[in-house]
Structures are given as structure tokens and as C-alpha cells.
Amino acid sequence: MSKFGKKKKGLPAVNTAALPDIVFMLLFFFMVTTTMRETELKIQTPKLPSATEVKKLEHKSLVSTIYVGKAKTEKQGKGDKIQLNDKIATAEDVPAFILNERTLVSEAEIPFMTVSIKADKKSSVGTISDIKLKLRDVNALKLSLSTQKGSEIKQ
């Protein structure tokens, strides 16, 4: 017999010293890159009309969005509904909404503010016209109508 026995060599233990650093790096990455949803839609998701010439909006922080579409539930009523932030409103509420949005930005940025209307393609032109008239009353003349890219010409 030999004095020194043969020992089985196993796999070395995994070094976990860098594991907390990696976890915190991933956590920090997802915290920085994730954006929270600003509004919860209380109308049906608008099916945007198609357009061939589309331009992306710049300075998203200066964009106020007005949603127009059909109500999700029967108790909200029938016809086109207007959503401002997280509540269903009427065209009469649009000027107050715009004036409130102006208080959230600096005085120098007010001329660069844009109002974006995200309307369902089956929405009434009268509803959108009412919104445009109310926007004109508060001198919110920079307007964008949201569309999706593509052409959908059917004859």
C-alpha cells in the first residue's frame, strides 16, 4: 500500500464574488432604460389611419396627446369619446387641458409645444373639428395627427 492515497480531483467551486456586481449592473440598466406608461387608455385602442409621408415627432416631453375613439364599456355611452390624460372628457374640456399642460413647462418652451391627436380611423370628423376649434381658442396652433406608416388604398 502506498502511504499517499490517490485523491479524486473534483471540479473547483464557482467563484461568485462578481455576482452582486453583475446583478446591480443589470438592475441599474433596466431602471434607466424602462419607461413607465403615462396614461391608461379608457377608450378602445385607436386604429390609426395609414399615411405614406410620415414624420416622427421630436421633443416628446413637449407633446400633449388627445385620444379619440369608441368607449371600452357600454356604461360610458356610445359615439366618439375624447380622453385627456386618464379621464374621459368633452371638447369643452380641451382648453383647460392645454392650459394645464402649459403650466408644466417653462415659458420659453411654450411656443414649441405640440398637440397630437390620436384618433381612430372611424372617428367622426365633427369630433376632431370640435377639438381643433377649441385648440384654436387657446392659441394651440401646432397640431399633429398621428398615423401609422403604410399605404392602404382600396378601390
N, C-alpha and C. Protein backbone atom coordinates (compact mmCIF):
# COMPACT_ATOMS: atom_id res chain seq x y z
N MET A 1 0.83 -1.17 0.00
CA MET A 1 0.00 0.00 0.00
C MET A 1 0.87 1.23 0.00
N SER A 2 0.31 2.22 -0.65
CA SER A 2 1.08 3.46 -0.68
C SER A 2 0.68 4.33 0.48
N LYS A 3 1.61 5.12 0.87
CA LYS A 3 1.38 5.99 2.00
C LYS A 3 0.44 7.15 1.64
N PHE A 4 0.56 7.57 0.42
CA PHE A 4 -0.29 8.67 -0.04
C PHE A 4 -1.34 8.11 -0.97
N GLY A 5 -2.57 8.22 -0.56
CA GLY A 5 -3.67 7.71 -1.37
C GLY A 5 -4.01 8.67 -2.51
N LYS A 6 -4.55 8.13 -3.52
CA LYS A 6 -4.95 8.97 -4.64
C LYS A 6 -6.28 9.65 -4.29
N LYS A 7 -6.26 10.94 -4.41
CA LYS A 7 -7.49 11.70 -4.13
C LYS A 7 -8.16 12.03 -5.45
N LYS A 8 -9.47 11.93 -5.44
CA LYS A 8 -10.21 12.31 -6.63
C LYS A 8 -10.24 13.82 -6.72
N LYS A 9 -9.92 14.32 -7.89
CA LYS A 9 -9.97 15.76 -8.10
C LYS A 9 -11.34 16.11 -8.66
N GLY A 10 -12.11 16.92 -7.93
CA GLY A 10 -13.43 17.35 -8.38
C GLY A 10 -13.33 18.71 -9.07
N LEU A 11 -14.44 19.16 -9.50
CA LEU A 11 -14.49 20.49 -10.11
C LEU A 11 -14.31 21.54 -9.03
N PRO A 12 -13.56 22.61 -9.36
CA PRO A 12 -13.41 23.66 -8.35
C PRO A 12 -14.73 24.42 -8.17
N ALA A 13 -14.92 25.02 -7.04
CA ALA A 13 -16.15 25.78 -6.76
C ALA A 13 -16.22 27.01 -7.65
N VAL A 14 -17.42 27.37 -8.03
CA VAL A 14 -17.62 28.55 -8.87
C VAL A 14 -17.41 29.80 -8.01
N ASN A 15 -16.62 30.71 -8.53
CA ASN A 15 -16.36 31.95 -7.81
C ASN A 15 -17.55 32.89 -8.00
N THR A 16 -18.23 33.23 -6.94
CA THR A 16 -19.42 34.09 -7.02
C THR A 16 -19.14 35.49 -6.50
N ALA A 17 -17.89 35.88 -6.44
CA ALA A 17 -17.55 37.21 -5.90
C ALA A 17 -18.09 38.33 -6.80
N ALA A 18 -18.14 38.13 -8.12
CA ALA A 18 -18.60 39.18 -9.04
C ALA A 18 -20.11 39.17 -9.24
N LEU A 19 -20.80 38.19 -8.70
CA LEU A 19 -22.24 38.07 -8.92
C LEU A 19 -23.05 39.29 -8.45
N PRO A 20 -22.82 39.83 -7.26
CA PRO A 20 -23.58 41.03 -6.86
C PRO A 20 -23.34 42.22 -7.78
N ASP A 21 -22.11 42.38 -8.27
CA ASP A 21 -21.83 43.47 -9.20
C ASP A 21 -22.64 43.32 -10.48
N ILE A 22 -22.72 42.12 -10.99
CA ILE A 22 -23.46 41.87 -12.23
C ILE A 22 -24.95 42.11 -12.01
N VAL A 23 -25.47 41.67 -10.90
CA VAL A 23 -26.90 41.85 -10.60
C VAL A 23 -27.23 43.34 -10.51
N PHE A 24 -26.42 44.11 -9.81
CA PHE A 24 -26.70 45.54 -9.68
C PHE A 24 -26.52 46.27 -11.02
N MET A 25 -25.59 45.82 -11.84
CA MET A 25 -25.41 46.42 -13.15
C MET A 25 -26.65 46.20 -14.01
N LEU A 26 -27.20 44.98 -13.99
CA LEU A 26 -28.42 44.68 -14.75
C LEU A 26 -29.61 45.47 -14.20
N LEU A 27 -29.73 45.53 -12.90
CA LEU A 27 -30.82 46.29 -12.28
C LEU A 27 -30.76 47.76 -12.68
N PHE A 28 -29.56 48.34 -12.61
CA PHE A 28 -29.39 49.74 -13.00
C PHE A 28 -29.72 49.94 -14.47
N PHE A 29 -29.31 49.03 -15.34
CA PHE A 29 -29.59 49.14 -16.77
C PHE A 29 -31.09 49.16 -17.03
N PHE A 30 -31.84 48.24 -16.42
CA PHE A 30 -33.28 48.19 -16.66
C PHE A 30 -34.01 49.38 -16.03
N MET A 31 -33.50 49.89 -14.92
CA MET A 31 -34.13 51.07 -14.32
C MET A 31 -33.96 52.29 -15.22
N VAL A 32 -32.83 52.40 -15.88
CA VAL A 32 -32.56 53.56 -16.73
C VAL A 32 -33.31 53.47 -18.05
N THR A 33 -33.39 52.29 -18.64
CA THR A 33 -33.95 52.16 -19.98
C THR A 33 -35.46 51.97 -20.02
N THR A 34 -36.08 51.60 -18.93
CA THR A 34 -37.52 51.35 -18.91
C THR A 34 -38.28 52.66 -18.76
N THR A 35 -39.32 52.81 -19.55
CA THR A 35 -40.20 53.97 -19.40
C THR A 35 -41.54 53.49 -18.90
N MET A 36 -42.13 54.28 -18.05
CA MET A 36 -43.43 53.93 -17.49
C MET A 36 -44.52 54.48 -18.40
N ARG A 37 -45.60 53.77 -18.51
CA ARG A 37 -46.73 54.23 -19.30
C ARG A 37 -47.33 55.44 -18.60
N GLU A 38 -47.54 56.51 -19.38
CA GLU A 38 -48.04 57.74 -18.79
C GLU A 38 -49.55 57.72 -18.58
N THR A 39 -50.27 57.17 -19.55
CA THR A 39 -51.73 57.15 -19.44
C THR A 39 -52.25 55.75 -19.70
N GLU A 40 -53.36 55.45 -19.07
CA GLU A 40 -54.03 54.18 -19.31
C GLU A 40 -55.25 54.48 -20.19
N LEU A 41 -55.32 53.83 -21.33
CA LEU A 41 -56.40 54.12 -22.27
C LEU A 41 -57.73 53.62 -21.73
N LYS A 42 -58.71 54.52 -21.71
CA LYS A 42 -60.06 54.17 -21.28
C LYS A 42 -60.99 54.07 -22.48
N ILE A 43 -60.40 54.28 -23.66
CA ILE A 43 -61.13 54.08 -24.90
C ILE A 43 -60.50 52.89 -25.60
N GLN A 44 -61.17 52.39 -26.62
CA GLN A 44 -60.58 51.29 -27.38
C GLN A 44 -59.31 51.79 -28.05
N THR A 45 -58.31 50.93 -28.16
CA THR A 45 -57.06 51.32 -28.79
C THR A 45 -57.34 51.82 -30.20
N PRO A 46 -56.96 53.07 -30.48
CA PRO A 46 -57.29 53.62 -31.80
C PRO A 46 -56.55 52.90 -32.92
N LYS A 47 -57.29 52.57 -33.97
CA LYS A 47 -56.67 52.04 -35.18
C LYS A 47 -56.36 53.26 -36.03
N LEU A 48 -55.09 53.64 -36.06
CA LEU A 48 -54.68 54.87 -36.72
C LEU A 48 -54.78 54.74 -38.23
N PRO A 49 -55.11 55.84 -38.91
CA PRO A 49 -55.15 55.80 -40.37
C PRO A 49 -53.74 55.64 -40.93
N SER A 50 -53.65 55.17 -42.16
CA SER A 50 -52.35 54.98 -42.82
C SER A 50 -51.95 56.24 -43.57
N ALA A 51 -50.65 56.43 -43.69
CA ALA A 51 -50.13 57.57 -44.46
C ALA A 51 -48.79 57.17 -45.06
N THR A 52 -48.46 57.76 -46.18
CA THR A 52 -47.18 57.44 -46.83
C THR A 52 -46.08 58.40 -46.41
N GLU A 53 -46.41 59.65 -46.16
CA GLU A 53 -45.41 60.64 -45.75
C GLU A 53 -45.55 60.85 -44.24
N VAL A 54 -44.71 60.17 -43.47
CA VAL A 54 -44.80 60.21 -42.02
C VAL A 54 -43.54 60.85 -41.46
N LYS A 55 -43.70 61.72 -40.47
CA LYS A 55 -42.57 62.37 -39.82
C LYS A 55 -42.68 62.12 -38.32
N LYS A 56 -41.58 61.76 -37.71
CA LYS A 56 -41.59 61.46 -36.28
C LYS A 56 -41.53 62.76 -35.48
N LEU A 57 -42.28 62.81 -34.38
CA LEU A 57 -42.28 63.98 -33.52
C LEU A 57 -40.99 64.04 -32.70
N GLU A 58 -40.45 65.24 -32.58
CA GLU A 58 -39.28 65.44 -31.73
C GLU A 58 -39.74 66.06 -30.42
N HIS A 59 -38.90 66.01 -29.43
CA HIS A 59 -39.18 66.58 -28.11
C HIS A 59 -40.50 66.04 -27.55
N LYS A 60 -40.52 64.75 -27.28
CA LYS A 60 -41.74 64.10 -26.79
C LYS A 60 -42.24 64.73 -25.48
N SER A 61 -41.37 65.36 -24.73
CA SER A 61 -41.82 65.97 -23.48
C SER A 61 -42.68 67.20 -23.73
N LEU A 62 -42.63 67.75 -24.94
CA LEU A 62 -43.43 68.93 -25.28
C LEU A 62 -44.69 68.56 -26.06
N VAL A 63 -45.03 67.29 -26.10
CA VAL A 63 -46.20 66.83 -26.84
C VAL A 63 -47.32 66.49 -25.87
N SER A 64 -48.50 67.07 -26.09
CA SER A 64 -49.70 66.75 -25.32
C SER A 64 -50.60 65.91 -26.22
N THR A 65 -51.02 64.75 -25.74
CA THR A 65 -51.77 63.82 -26.58
C THR A 65 -53.25 63.81 -26.20
N ILE A 66 -54.08 63.87 -27.24
CA ILE A 66 -55.53 63.75 -27.08
C ILE A 66 -55.95 62.50 -27.84
N TYR A 67 -56.62 61.57 -27.16
CA TYR A 67 -57.07 60.32 -27.77
C TYR A 67 -58.55 60.44 -28.13
N VAL A 68 -58.92 59.95 -29.31
CA VAL A 68 -60.31 59.95 -29.75
C VAL A 68 -60.65 58.55 -30.24
N GLY A 69 -61.74 57.98 -29.74
CA GLY A 69 -62.14 56.65 -30.17
C GLY A 69 -63.43 56.22 -29.50
N LYS A 70 -63.79 54.99 -29.72
CA LYS A 70 -65.00 54.42 -29.13
C LYS A 70 -64.74 54.04 -27.67
N ALA A 71 -65.77 54.10 -26.85
CA ALA A 71 -65.66 53.75 -25.44
C ALA A 71 -65.43 52.25 -25.28
N LYS A 72 -64.69 51.87 -24.24
CA LYS A 72 -64.44 50.45 -23.98
C LYS A 72 -65.67 49.76 -23.40
N THR A 73 -66.40 50.46 -22.56
CA THR A 73 -67.54 49.84 -21.88
C THR A 73 -68.84 50.50 -22.32
N GLU A 74 -69.92 49.78 -22.16
CA GLU A 74 -71.25 50.28 -22.53
C GLU A 74 -71.70 51.44 -21.64
N LYS A 75 -71.28 51.44 -20.36
CA LYS A 75 -71.75 52.46 -19.44
C LYS A 75 -71.17 53.85 -19.74
N GLN A 76 -70.12 53.92 -20.55
CA GLN A 76 -69.55 55.21 -20.93
C GLN A 76 -70.35 55.86 -22.05
N GLY A 77 -71.24 55.10 -22.64
CA GLY A 77 -72.08 55.65 -23.69
C GLY A 77 -71.59 55.26 -25.08
N LYS A 78 -72.31 55.75 -26.07
CA LYS A 78 -71.96 55.44 -27.45
C LYS A 78 -71.37 56.67 -28.11
N GLY A 79 -70.82 56.48 -29.29
CA GLY A 79 -70.23 57.59 -30.03
C GLY A 79 -68.76 57.77 -29.68
N ASP A 80 -68.18 58.79 -30.29
CA ASP A 80 -66.76 59.08 -30.06
C ASP A 80 -66.55 59.64 -28.66
N LYS A 81 -65.47 59.19 -28.04
CA LYS A 81 -65.08 59.68 -26.72
C LYS A 81 -63.71 60.32 -26.83
N ILE A 82 -63.49 61.36 -26.06
CA ILE A 82 -62.22 62.06 -26.02
C ILE A 82 -61.57 61.75 -24.68
N GLN A 83 -60.30 61.35 -24.72
CA GLN A 83 -59.57 61.07 -23.48
C GLN A 83 -58.42 62.06 -23.35
N LEU A 84 -58.41 62.76 -22.22
CA LEU A 84 -57.34 63.69 -21.86
C LEU A 84 -56.68 63.14 -20.62
N ASN A 85 -55.39 62.81 -20.73
CA ASN A 85 -54.66 62.13 -19.66
C ASN A 85 -55.39 60.84 -19.31
N ASP A 86 -55.89 60.70 -18.09
CA ASP A 86 -56.51 59.45 -17.68
C ASP A 86 -58.02 59.54 -17.51
N LYS A 87 -58.67 60.54 -18.11
CA LYS A 87 -60.11 60.65 -17.92
C LYS A 87 -60.81 60.96 -19.25
N ILE A 88 -62.04 60.48 -19.32
CA ILE A 88 -62.88 60.77 -20.47
C ILE A 88 -63.39 62.20 -20.31
N ALA A 89 -63.34 62.97 -21.40
CA ALA A 89 -63.73 64.37 -21.35
C ALA A 89 -64.55 64.73 -22.58
N THR A 90 -64.91 65.99 -22.65
CA THR A 90 -65.63 66.50 -23.82
C THR A 90 -64.72 67.53 -24.51
N ALA A 91 -65.18 68.01 -25.64
CA ALA A 91 -64.41 69.02 -26.36
C ALA A 91 -64.30 70.31 -25.54
N GLU A 92 -65.26 70.55 -24.67
CA GLU A 92 -65.24 71.75 -23.82
C GLU A 92 -64.09 71.72 -22.82
N ASP A 93 -63.58 70.53 -22.47
CA ASP A 93 -62.50 70.40 -21.50
C ASP A 93 -61.12 70.56 -22.11
N VAL A 94 -61.02 70.62 -23.43
CA VAL A 94 -59.72 70.68 -24.11
C VAL A 94 -58.95 71.95 -23.76
N PRO A 95 -59.56 73.16 -23.77
CA PRO A 95 -58.77 74.35 -23.42
C PRO A 95 -58.15 74.28 -22.03
N ALA A 96 -58.89 73.79 -21.05
CA ALA A 96 -58.34 73.68 -19.68
C ALA A 96 -57.19 72.69 -19.65
N PHE A 97 -57.30 71.61 -20.42
CA PHE A 97 -56.23 70.62 -20.51
C PHE A 97 -54.96 71.25 -21.07
N ILE A 98 -55.09 72.02 -22.13
CA ILE A 98 -53.92 72.65 -22.76
C ILE A 98 -53.30 73.68 -21.83
N LEU A 99 -54.12 74.48 -21.17
CA LEU A 99 -53.59 75.48 -20.24
C LEU A 99 -52.87 74.81 -19.07
N ASN A 100 -53.38 73.67 -18.62
CA ASN A 100 -52.72 72.92 -17.55
C ASN A 100 -51.38 72.37 -18.04
N GLU A 101 -51.33 71.87 -19.27
CA GLU A 101 -50.08 71.34 -19.82
C GLU A 101 -49.04 72.45 -19.97
N ARG A 102 -49.48 73.65 -20.28
CA ARG A 102 -48.54 74.77 -20.42
C ARG A 102 -47.90 75.15 -19.09
N THR A 103 -48.61 74.93 -17.98
CA THR A 103 -48.02 75.26 -16.68
C THR A 103 -46.91 74.29 -16.29
N LEU A 104 -46.84 73.14 -16.96
CA LEU A 104 -45.84 72.13 -16.62
C LEU A 104 -44.50 72.35 -17.31
N VAL A 105 -44.46 73.27 -18.28
CA VAL A 105 -43.19 73.53 -18.99
C VAL A 105 -42.78 74.98 -18.76
N SER A 106 -41.55 75.29 -19.09
CA SER A 106 -41.05 76.65 -18.89
C SER A 106 -41.65 77.59 -19.93
N GLU A 107 -41.57 78.86 -19.64
CA GLU A 107 -42.14 79.90 -20.50
C GLU A 107 -41.51 79.88 -21.90
N ALA A 108 -40.22 79.58 -21.98
CA ALA A 108 -39.51 79.59 -23.26
C ALA A 108 -39.91 78.40 -24.14
N GLU A 109 -40.39 77.32 -23.56
CA GLU A 109 -40.74 76.12 -24.33
C GLU A 109 -42.18 76.11 -24.82
N ILE A 110 -43.01 77.02 -24.36
CA ILE A 110 -44.43 77.05 -24.74
C ILE A 110 -44.62 77.15 -26.25
N PRO A 111 -43.87 77.99 -26.98
CA PRO A 111 -44.08 78.05 -28.44
C PRO A 111 -43.74 76.74 -29.17
N PHE A 112 -42.97 75.87 -28.55
CA PHE A 112 -42.57 74.61 -29.19
C PHE A 112 -43.49 73.45 -28.83
N MET A 113 -44.52 73.70 -28.02
CA MET A 113 -45.44 72.64 -27.62
C MET A 113 -46.30 72.21 -28.81
N THR A 114 -46.54 70.91 -28.89
CA THR A 114 -47.34 70.33 -29.97
C THR A 114 -48.49 69.55 -29.36
N VAL A 115 -49.64 69.61 -29.99
CA VAL A 115 -50.78 68.80 -29.59
C VAL A 115 -50.91 67.67 -30.61
N SER A 116 -50.89 66.45 -30.13
CA SER A 116 -51.02 65.28 -31.00
C SER A 116 -52.40 64.66 -30.80
N ILE A 117 -53.12 64.48 -31.88
CA ILE A 117 -54.43 63.85 -31.82
C ILE A 117 -54.29 62.43 -32.35
N LYS A 118 -54.54 61.46 -31.49
CA LYS A 118 -54.52 60.05 -31.89
C LYS A 118 -55.97 59.61 -32.00
N ALA A 119 -56.49 59.65 -33.22
CA ALA A 119 -57.90 59.35 -33.43
C ALA A 119 -58.04 58.07 -34.23
N ASP A 120 -59.04 57.30 -33.87
CA ASP A 120 -59.38 56.09 -34.61
C ASP A 120 -59.78 56.49 -36.02
N LYS A 121 -59.47 55.62 -36.99
CA LYS A 121 -59.77 55.99 -38.38
C LYS A 121 -61.27 56.06 -38.66
N LYS A 122 -62.09 55.50 -37.77
CA LYS A 122 -63.54 55.56 -37.94
C LYS A 122 -64.17 56.66 -37.08
N SER A 123 -63.34 57.51 -36.49
CA SER A 123 -63.86 58.60 -35.67
C SER A 123 -64.54 59.64 -36.54
N SER A 124 -65.47 60.33 -35.94
CA SER A 124 -66.23 61.36 -36.64
C SER A 124 -65.36 62.59 -36.90
N VAL A 125 -65.47 63.13 -38.10
CA VAL A 125 -64.74 64.35 -38.43
C VAL A 125 -65.25 65.51 -37.58
N GLY A 126 -66.51 65.47 -37.21
CA GLY A 126 -67.08 66.52 -36.37
C GLY A 126 -66.41 66.60 -35.01
N THR A 127 -66.10 65.45 -34.42
CA THR A 127 -65.43 65.43 -33.11
C THR A 127 -64.04 66.05 -33.23
N ILE A 128 -63.31 65.66 -34.27
CA ILE A 128 -61.96 66.20 -34.46
C ILE A 128 -62.03 67.69 -34.77
N SER A 129 -63.02 68.11 -35.52
CA SER A 129 -63.21 69.53 -35.84
C SER A 129 -63.51 70.32 -34.58
N ASP A 130 -64.34 69.78 -33.69
CA ASP A 130 -64.63 70.45 -32.41
C ASP A 130 -63.36 70.63 -31.59
N ILE A 131 -62.51 69.60 -31.56
CA ILE A 131 -61.25 69.68 -30.82
C ILE A 131 -60.36 70.76 -31.43
N LYS A 132 -60.29 70.80 -32.75
CA LYS A 132 -59.45 71.79 -33.42
C LYS A 132 -59.93 73.22 -33.14
N LEU A 133 -61.25 73.42 -33.09
CA LEU A 133 -61.77 74.74 -32.78
C LEU A 133 -61.42 75.17 -31.36
N LYS A 134 -61.51 74.23 -30.42
CA LYS A 134 -61.17 74.54 -29.03
C LYS A 134 -59.68 74.81 -28.88
N LEU A 135 -58.85 74.10 -29.67
CA LEU A 135 -57.40 74.35 -29.64
C LEU A 135 -57.10 75.74 -30.19
N ARG A 136 -57.84 76.15 -31.19
CA ARG A 136 -57.66 77.49 -31.77
C ARG A 136 -57.99 78.57 -30.76
N ASP A 137 -58.98 78.31 -29.90
CA ASP A 137 -59.38 79.29 -28.88
C ASP A 137 -58.26 79.59 -27.89
N VAL A 138 -57.42 78.59 -27.58
CA VAL A 138 -56.32 78.80 -26.63
C VAL A 138 -54.98 78.98 -27.34
N ASN A 139 -55.03 79.25 -28.64
CA ASN A 139 -53.84 79.52 -29.45
C ASN A 139 -52.85 78.35 -29.45
N ALA A 140 -53.37 77.13 -29.46
CA ALA A 140 -52.53 75.93 -29.60
C ALA A 140 -52.61 75.52 -31.07
N LEU A 141 -51.78 76.16 -31.89
CA LEU A 141 -51.90 76.01 -33.33
C LEU A 141 -50.96 74.96 -33.91
N LYS A 142 -50.03 74.47 -33.12
CA LYS A 142 -49.11 73.43 -33.59
C LYS A 142 -49.77 72.08 -33.34
N LEU A 143 -50.26 71.45 -34.42
CA LEU A 143 -51.09 70.26 -34.30
C LEU A 143 -50.49 69.12 -35.12
N SER A 144 -50.58 67.93 -34.58
CA SER A 144 -50.11 66.73 -35.27
C SER A 144 -51.21 65.68 -35.21
N LEU A 145 -51.51 65.09 -36.35
CA LEU A 145 -52.47 63.99 -36.41
C LEU A 145 -51.68 62.70 -36.55
N SER A 146 -51.78 61.81 -35.58
CA SER A 146 -50.98 60.59 -35.57
C SER A 146 -51.50 59.59 -36.59
N THR A 147 -50.57 58.95 -37.28
CA THR A 147 -50.88 57.94 -38.29
C THR A 147 -49.91 56.80 -38.14
N GLN A 148 -50.17 55.74 -38.89
CA GLN A 148 -49.21 54.65 -38.99
C GLN A 148 -48.65 54.65 -40.40
N LYS A 149 -47.41 54.20 -40.53
CA LYS A 149 -46.76 54.24 -41.84
C LYS A 149 -47.29 53.11 -42.70
N GLY A 150 -47.52 53.41 -43.95
CA GLY A 150 -48.01 52.42 -44.89
C GLY A 150 -49.09 53.01 -45.76
N SER A 151 -49.38 52.33 -46.84
CA SER A 151 -50.45 52.82 -47.71
C SER A 151 -51.55 51.78 -47.74
N GLU A 152 -52.76 52.24 -47.61
CA GLU A 152 -53.92 51.34 -47.57
C GLU A 152 -54.98 51.88 -48.51
N ILE A 153 -54.64 51.93 -49.78
CA ILE A 153 -55.56 52.46 -50.78
C ILE A 153 -56.35 51.30 -51.36
N LYS A 154 -57.65 51.33 -51.14
CA LYS A 154 -58.54 50.29 -51.67
C LYS A 154 -59.54 50.94 -52.60
N GLN A 155 -59.77 50.31 -53.72
CA GLN A 155 -60.74 50.86 -54.68
C GLN A 155 -61.85 49.90 -54.92
